[in-house]
């Protein structure tokens, strides 16, 4: 592919066997294949494939957290999705625990001691609903998915573009596909606990 030719449209995957057949005596760019030369095109292809593989995994975890936070354990939706056990043991809540009334602190106590003696009546974010908190968690998962994909694709895409350029190779459109898949699988490795944690 010339530097003046336009890049192939994404995804432009082709039959990989044309690159794996015996290559002696053939040109480096196999007829019927699609290749990338420009580093920004390599980055874009890597980003698109990383988003395709990376984002659904994050969104699945974010949706799971959203359902657990937004709906009470007794919710019919959580039971339908098998996210709640059939029976619950009684756990004391704030409404079950009697709170003593706060008495005015004696005047001989310092200001700092008076503030730490009793519980504050106004709590921050007192009126935030479960749904609002669950949506914030889902939004954070979505931002982490996109942010992780952008950072990882930038590093992998431009490093591989440099390697291929220095070696005077043409990058197949299958390489960004494999880079996105590899980045996602490496991310999955971080989920599994290490051997030290198990011991």
C-alpha atoms as a PDB file:
ATOM      1  CA  UNK A   1       0.000   0.000   0.000  1.00  0.00           C
ATOM      2  CA  UNK A   2       1.383   3.419  -0.919  1.00  0.00           C
ATOM      3  CA  UNK A   3       1.478   6.235   1.581  1.00  0.00           C
ATOM      4  CA  UNK A   4      -0.779   8.142  -0.829  1.00  0.00           C
ATOM      5  CA  UNK A   5      -3.515   5.509  -1.004  1.00  0.00           C
ATOM      6  CA  UNK A   6      -6.474   5.854   1.308  1.00  0.00           C
ATOM      7  CA  UNK A   7      -6.626   3.386   4.201  1.00  0.00           C
ATOM      8  CA  UNK A   8      -9.094   0.521   4.013  1.00  0.00           C
ATOM      9  CA  UNK A   9     -12.405   0.965   5.837  1.00  0.00           C
ATOM     10  CA  UNK A  10     -12.740  -0.633   9.243  1.00  0.00           C
ATOM     11  CA  UNK A  11     -12.791  -3.652   9.860  1.00  0.00           C
ATOM     12  CA  UNK A  12     -11.434  -4.846   6.450  1.00  0.00           C
ATOM     13  CA  UNK A  13     -10.694  -8.350   7.680  1.00  0.00           C
ATOM     14  CA  UNK A  14      -9.876 -10.772   4.918  1.00  0.00           C
ATOM     15  CA  UNK A  15      -9.060 -14.459   4.543  1.00  0.00           C
ATOM     16  CA  UNK A  16      -5.958 -14.811   6.702  1.00  0.00           C
ATOM     17  CA  UNK A  17      -4.810 -17.896   4.795  1.00  0.00           C
ATOM     18  CA  UNK A  18      -3.479 -15.745   1.953  1.00  0.00           C
ATOM     19  CA  UNK A  19      -0.831 -14.448   4.364  1.00  0.00           C
ATOM     20  CA  UNK A  20      -0.061 -17.858   5.852  1.00  0.00           C
ATOM     21  CA  UNK A  21       0.529 -19.768   2.610  1.00  0.00           C
ATOM     22  CA  UNK A  22       4.099 -20.237   1.422  1.00  0.00           C
ATOM     23  CA  UNK A  23       5.369 -16.718   0.810  1.00  0.00           C
ATOM     24  CA  UNK A  24       8.677 -17.287  -0.958  1.00  0.00           C
ATOM     25  CA  UNK A  25       8.837 -15.420  -4.235  1.00  0.00           C
ATOM     26  CA  UNK A  26       5.661 -13.423  -3.538  1.00  0.00           C
ATOM     27  CA  UNK A  27       5.292  -9.696  -2.918  1.00  0.00           C
ATOM     28  CA  UNK A  28       4.946  -8.660   0.758  1.00  0.00           C
ATOM     29  CA  UNK A  29       1.392  -7.429   0.212  1.00  0.00           C
ATOM     30  CA  UNK A  30      -0.723 -10.386  -0.841  1.00  0.00           C
ATOM     31  CA  UNK A  31      -3.391  -9.661  -3.459  1.00  0.00           C
ATOM     32  CA  UNK A  32      -6.783  -9.514  -1.758  1.00  0.00           C
ATOM     33  CA  UNK A  33      -5.322  -8.432   1.583  1.00  0.00           C
ATOM     34  CA  UNK A  34      -5.695  -5.102   3.371  1.00  0.00           C
ATOM     35  CA  UNK A  35      -2.702  -3.394   4.950  1.00  0.00           C
ATOM     36  CA  UNK A  36      -2.058  -0.331   7.085  1.00  0.00           C
ATOM     37  CA  UNK A  37       0.915   2.031   6.805  1.00  0.00           C
ATOM     38  CA  UNK A  38      -0.093   5.219   8.591  1.00  0.00           C
ATOM     39  CA  UNK A  39       0.397   5.128  12.423  1.00  0.00           C
ATOM     40  CA  UNK A  40      -2.853   7.026  13.002  1.00  0.00           C
ATOM     41  CA  UNK A  41      -4.762   4.413  10.984  1.00  0.00           C
ATOM     42  CA  UNK A  42      -3.121   1.646  13.000  1.00  0.00           C
ATOM     43  CA  UNK A  43      -4.142   3.452  16.202  1.00  0.00           C
ATOM     44  CA  UNK A  44      -7.742   3.867  14.984  1.00  0.00           C
ATOM     45  CA  UNK A  45      -8.091   0.210  14.013  1.00  0.00           C
ATOM     46  CA  UNK A  46      -6.584  -0.878  17.341  1.00  0.00           C
ATOM     47  CA  UNK A  47      -8.894   1.475  19.246  1.00  0.00           C
ATOM     48  CA  UNK A  48     -11.998   0.234  17.447  1.00  0.00           C
ATOM     49  CA  UNK A  49     -11.165  -3.410  18.066  1.00  0.00           C
ATOM     50  CA  UNK A  50     -10.240  -2.753  21.687  1.00  0.00           C
ATOM     51  CA  UNK A  51     -13.552  -0.972  22.228  1.00  0.00           C
ATOM     52  CA  UNK A  52     -15.391  -3.906  20.631  1.00  0.00           C
ATOM     53  CA  UNK A  53     -13.775  -6.423  22.991  1.00  0.00           C
ATOM     54  CA  UNK A  54     -13.099  -4.322  26.099  1.00  0.00           C
ATOM     55  CA  UNK A  55     -16.272  -2.302  26.575  1.00  0.00           C
ATOM     56  CA  UNK A  56     -18.802  -5.184  26.767  1.00  0.00           C
ATOM     57  CA  UNK A  57     -16.856  -6.795  29.609  1.00  0.00           C
ATOM     58  CA  UNK A  58     -16.836  -3.548  31.602  1.00  0.00           C
ATOM     59  CA  UNK A  59     -20.480  -2.848  30.833  1.00  0.00           C
ATOM     60  CA  UNK A  60     -21.483  -6.346  31.962  1.00  0.00           C
ATOM     61  CA  UNK A  61     -19.747  -5.777  35.309  1.00  0.00           C
ATOM     62  CA  UNK A  62     -21.189  -2.258  35.532  1.00  0.00           C
ATOM     63  CA  UNK A  63     -24.710  -3.517  34.838  1.00  0.00           C
ATOM     64  CA  UNK A  64     -24.299  -6.202  37.484  1.00  0.00           C
ATOM     65  CA  UNK A  65     -23.228  -3.550  40.006  1.00  0.00           C
ATOM     66  CA  UNK A  66     -26.070  -1.270  38.875  1.00  0.00           C
ATOM     67  CA  UNK A  67     -28.729  -3.948  39.464  1.00  0.00           C
ATOM     68  CA  UNK A  68     -27.274  -4.827  42.869  1.00  0.00           C
ATOM     69  CA  UNK A  69     -27.225  -1.193  43.963  1.00  0.00           C
ATOM     70  CA  UNK A  70     -30.451   0.046  42.400  1.00  0.00           C
ATOM     71  CA  UNK A  71     -32.785  -2.706  43.515  1.00  0.00           C
ATOM     72  CA  UNK A  72     -33.321  -3.931  47.051  1.00  0.00           C
ATOM     73  CA  UNK A  73     -32.534  -7.564  47.892  1.00  0.00           C
ATOM     74  CA  UNK A  74     -36.257  -8.268  48.075  1.00  0.00           C
ATOM     75  CA  UNK A  75     -36.802  -6.939  44.546  1.00  0.00           C
ATOM     76  CA  UNK A  76     -38.584  -9.154  42.051  1.00  0.00           C
ATOM     77  CA  UNK A  77     -36.091  -8.170  39.338  1.00  0.00           C
ATOM     78  CA  UNK A  78     -33.112  -9.351  41.384  1.00  0.00           C
ATOM     79  CA  UNK A  79     -34.847 -12.650  42.090  1.00  0.00           C
ATOM     80  CA  UNK A  80     -35.653 -13.050  38.397  1.00  0.00           C
ATOM     81  CA  UNK A  81     -31.991 -12.442  37.457  1.00  0.00           C
ATOM     82  CA  UNK A  82     -30.849 -14.851  40.209  1.00  0.00           C
ATOM     83  CA  UNK A  83     -28.984 -12.060  41.986  1.00  0.00           C
ATOM     84  CA  UNK A  84     -30.766 -12.544  45.294  1.00  0.00           C
ATOM     85  CA  UNK A  85     -31.107 -15.617  47.500  1.00  0.00           C
ATOM     86  CA  UNK A  86     -34.581 -16.903  48.270  1.00  0.00           C
ATOM     87  CA  UNK A  87     -34.322 -16.331  52.023  1.00  0.00           C
ATOM     88  CA  UNK A  88     -32.678 -13.585  54.013  1.00  0.00           C
ATOM     89  CA  UNK A  89     -31.663 -13.468  57.620  1.00  0.00           C
ATOM     90  CA  UNK A  90     -32.594 -10.417  59.589  1.00  0.00           C
ATOM     91  CA  UNK A  91     -29.836  -7.843  59.643  1.00  0.00           C
ATOM     92  CA  UNK A  92     -30.338  -4.841  61.901  1.00  0.00           C
ATOM     93  CA  UNK A  93     -30.655  -1.592  60.036  1.00  0.00           C
ATOM     94  CA  UNK A  94     -30.403   1.970  61.209  1.00  0.00           C
ATOM     95  CA  UNK A  95     -34.154   2.121  61.749  1.00  0.00           C
ATOM     96  CA  UNK A  96     -34.010  -0.992  63.978  1.00  0.00           C
ATOM     97  CA  UNK A  97     -31.286   0.374  66.225  1.00  0.00           C
ATOM     98  CA  UNK A  98     -32.594   2.847  68.804  1.00  0.00           C
ATOM     99  CA  UNK A  99     -30.537   6.004  68.872  1.00  0.00           C
ATOM    100  CA  UNK A 100     -30.251   8.019  72.012  1.00  0.00           C
ATOM    101  CA  UNK A 101     -31.033  11.696  71.825  1.00  0.00           C
ATOM    102  CA  UNK A 102     -28.126  14.079  71.626  1.00  0.00           C
ATOM    103  CA  UNK A 103     -27.818  16.197  74.731  1.00  0.00           C
ATOM    104  CA  UNK A 104     -26.239  19.595  74.655  1.00  0.00           C
ATOM    105  CA  UNK A 105     -22.592  19.376  75.623  1.00  0.00           C
ATOM    106  CA  UNK A 106     -21.536  21.203  78.786  1.00  0.00           C
ATOM    107  CA  UNK A 107     -20.085  24.625  78.203  1.00  0.00           C
ATOM    108  CA  UNK A 108     -16.731  23.724  79.786  1.00  0.00           C
ATOM    109  CA  UNK A 109     -15.957  21.276  76.878  1.00  0.00           C
ATOM    110  CA  UNK A 110     -13.900  22.502  73.946  1.00  0.00           C
ATOM    111  CA  UNK A 111     -15.491  22.985  70.528  1.00  0.00           C
ATOM    112  CA  UNK A 112     -13.676  19.955  69.050  1.00  0.00           C
ATOM    113  CA  UNK A 113     -14.817  17.675  71.861  1.00  0.00           C
ATOM    114  CA  UNK A 114     -18.405  18.865  71.477  1.00  0.00           C
ATOM    115  CA  UNK A 115     -18.395  18.041  67.758  1.00  0.00           C
ATOM    116  CA  UNK A 116     -17.105  14.495  68.211  1.00  0.00           C
ATOM    117  CA  UNK A 117     -19.417  13.509  71.086  1.00  0.00           C
ATOM    118  CA  UNK A 118     -22.680  13.061  69.212  1.00  0.00           C
ATOM    119  CA  UNK A 119     -23.706  12.047  65.751  1.00  0.00           C
ATOM    120  CA  UNK A 120     -24.303  14.782  63.242  1.00  0.00           C
ATOM    121  CA  UNK A 121     -27.922  15.068  62.200  1.00  0.00           C
ATOM    122  CA  UNK A 122     -27.122  16.208  58.651  1.00  0.00           C
ATOM    123  CA  UNK A 123     -25.299  13.680  56.544  1.00  0.00           C
ATOM    124  CA  UNK A 124     -23.704  14.557  53.210  1.00  0.00           C
ATOM    125  CA  UNK A 125     -25.726  13.364  50.194  1.00  0.00           C
ATOM    126  CA  UNK A 126     -28.617  12.534  52.465  1.00  0.00           C
ATOM    127  CA  UNK A 127     -31.184  12.771  49.685  1.00  0.00           C
ATOM    128  CA  UNK A 128     -29.299  10.811  47.011  1.00  0.00           C
ATOM    129  CA  UNK A 129     -31.412   7.867  45.930  1.00  0.00           C
ATOM    130  CA  UNK A 130     -30.263   4.319  45.295  1.00  0.00           C
ATOM    131  CA  UNK A 131     -30.905   4.828  41.598  1.00  0.00           C
ATOM    132  CA  UNK A 132     -28.688   7.912  41.445  1.00  0.00           C
ATOM    133  CA  UNK A 133     -25.835   6.107  43.174  1.00  0.00           C
ATOM    134  CA  UNK A 134     -26.265   3.065  40.909  1.00  0.00           C
ATOM    135  CA  UNK A 135     -26.204   5.286  37.800  1.00  0.00           C
ATOM    136  CA  UNK A 136     -23.002   6.931  39.039  1.00  0.00           C
ATOM    137  CA  UNK A 137     -21.400   3.506  39.414  1.00  0.00           C
ATOM    138  CA  UNK A 138     -22.514   2.496  35.907  1.00  0.00           C
ATOM    139  CA  UNK A 139     -21.137   5.774  34.528  1.00  0.00           C
ATOM    140  CA  UNK A 140     -17.776   5.168  36.239  1.00  0.00           C
ATOM    141  CA  UNK A 141     -17.589   1.673  34.724  1.00  0.00           C
ATOM    142  CA  UNK A 142     -18.338   3.111  31.260  1.00  0.00           C
ATOM    143  CA  UNK A 143     -15.691   5.830  31.668  1.00  0.00           C
ATOM    144  CA  UNK A 144     -13.117   3.279  32.836  1.00  0.00           C
ATOM    145  CA  UNK A 145     -13.897   1.061  29.838  1.00  0.00           C
ATOM    146  CA  UNK A 146     -13.438   3.865  27.318  1.00  0.00           C
ATOM    147  CA  UNK A 147     -10.444   5.351  29.140  1.00  0.00           C
ATOM    148  CA  UNK A 148      -8.688   1.996  29.429  1.00  0.00           C
ATOM    149  CA  UNK A 149      -9.337   1.245  25.770  1.00  0.00           C
ATOM    150  CA  UNK A 150      -7.987   4.619  24.645  1.00  0.00           C
ATOM    151  CA  UNK A 151      -4.830   4.421  26.766  1.00  0.00           C
ATOM    152  CA  UNK A 152      -4.114   0.791  25.909  1.00  0.00           C
ATOM    153  CA  UNK A 153      -4.777   1.324  22.203  1.00  0.00           C
ATOM    154  CA  UNK A 154      -2.538   4.372  22.129  1.00  0.00           C
ATOM    155  CA  UNK A 155       0.372   2.471  23.630  1.00  0.00           C
ATOM    156  CA  UNK A 156      -0.064  -0.751  21.670  1.00  0.00           C
ATOM    157  CA  UNK A 157      -1.029   0.891  18.381  1.00  0.00           C
ATOM    158  CA  UNK A 158       1.825   3.358  18.200  1.00  0.00           C
ATOM    159  CA  UNK A 159       4.451   0.910  19.514  1.00  0.00           C
ATOM    160  CA  UNK A 160       3.444  -1.662  16.915  1.00  0.00           C
ATOM    161  CA  UNK A 161       3.341   1.027  14.212  1.00  0.00           C
ATOM    162  CA  UNK A 162       6.924   1.947  15.127  1.00  0.00           C
ATOM    163  CA  UNK A 163       8.059  -1.683  15.098  1.00  0.00           C
ATOM    164  CA  UNK A 164       6.493  -2.348  11.699  1.00  0.00           C
ATOM    165  CA  UNK A 165       7.839   0.908  10.247  1.00  0.00           C
ATOM    166  CA  UNK A 166      11.402   0.246  11.431  1.00  0.00           C
ATOM    167  CA  UNK A 167      11.261  -3.305  10.032  1.00  0.00           C
ATOM    168  CA  UNK A 168       9.772  -2.037   6.721  1.00  0.00           C
ATOM    169  CA  UNK A 169       6.783  -4.379   7.046  1.00  0.00           C
ATOM    170  CA  UNK A 170       3.221  -3.707   6.100  1.00  0.00           C
ATOM    171  CA  UNK A 171       0.739  -4.259   8.902  1.00  0.00           C
ATOM    172  CA  UNK A 172      -2.184  -6.503   8.107  1.00  0.00           C
ATOM    173  CA  UNK A 173      -5.599  -5.389   9.340  1.00  0.00           C
ATOM    174  CA  UNK A 174      -5.600  -8.581  11.426  1.00  0.00           C
ATOM    175  CA  UNK A 175      -2.854  -7.204  13.705  1.00  0.00           C
ATOM    176  CA  UNK A 176      -5.069  -4.488  15.342  1.00  0.00           C
ATOM    177  CA  UNK A 177      -7.752  -7.157  15.780  1.00  0.00           C
ATOM    178  CA  UNK A 178      -5.255  -9.355  17.640  1.00  0.00           C
ATOM    179  CA  UNK A 179      -3.948  -6.382  19.662  1.00  0.00           C
ATOM    180  CA  UNK A 180      -7.456  -5.510  20.873  1.00  0.00           C
ATOM    181  CA  UNK A 181      -8.159  -9.144  21.735  1.00  0.00           C
ATOM    182  CA  UNK A 182      -4.814  -9.464  23.526  1.00  0.00           C
ATOM    183  CA  UNK A 183      -5.403  -6.311  25.575  1.00  0.00           C
ATOM    184  CA  UNK A 184      -8.811  -7.568  26.687  1.00  0.00           C
ATOM    185  CA  UNK A 185      -7.494 -10.999  27.641  1.00  0.00           C
ATOM    186  CA  UNK A 186      -4.650  -9.444  29.643  1.00  0.00           C
ATOM    187  CA  UNK A 187      -7.276  -7.338  31.431  1.00  0.00           C
ATOM    188  CA  UNK A 188      -9.178 -10.530  32.277  1.00  0.00           C
ATOM    189  CA  UNK A 189      -6.017 -11.944  33.854  1.00  0.00           C
ATOM    190  CA  UNK A 190      -6.179  -9.146  36.423  1.00  0.00           C
ATOM    191  CA  UNK A 191      -9.549 -10.427  37.621  1.00  0.00           C
ATOM    192  CA  UNK A 192      -8.200 -13.784  38.727  1.00  0.00           C
ATOM    193  CA  UNK A 193      -6.463 -13.697  42.128  1.00  0.00           C
ATOM    194  CA  UNK A 194      -2.748 -14.374  42.181  1.00  0.00           C
ATOM    195  CA  UNK A 195      -1.242 -17.473  43.716  1.00  0.00           C
ATOM    196  CA  UNK A 196       0.043 -15.437  46.673  1.00  0.00           C
ATOM    197  CA  UNK A 197      -3.511 -14.333  47.518  1.00  0.00           C
ATOM    198  CA  UNK A 198      -4.750 -17.926  47.436  1.00  0.00           C
ATOM    199  CA  UNK A 199      -1.985 -19.197  49.739  1.00  0.00           C
END
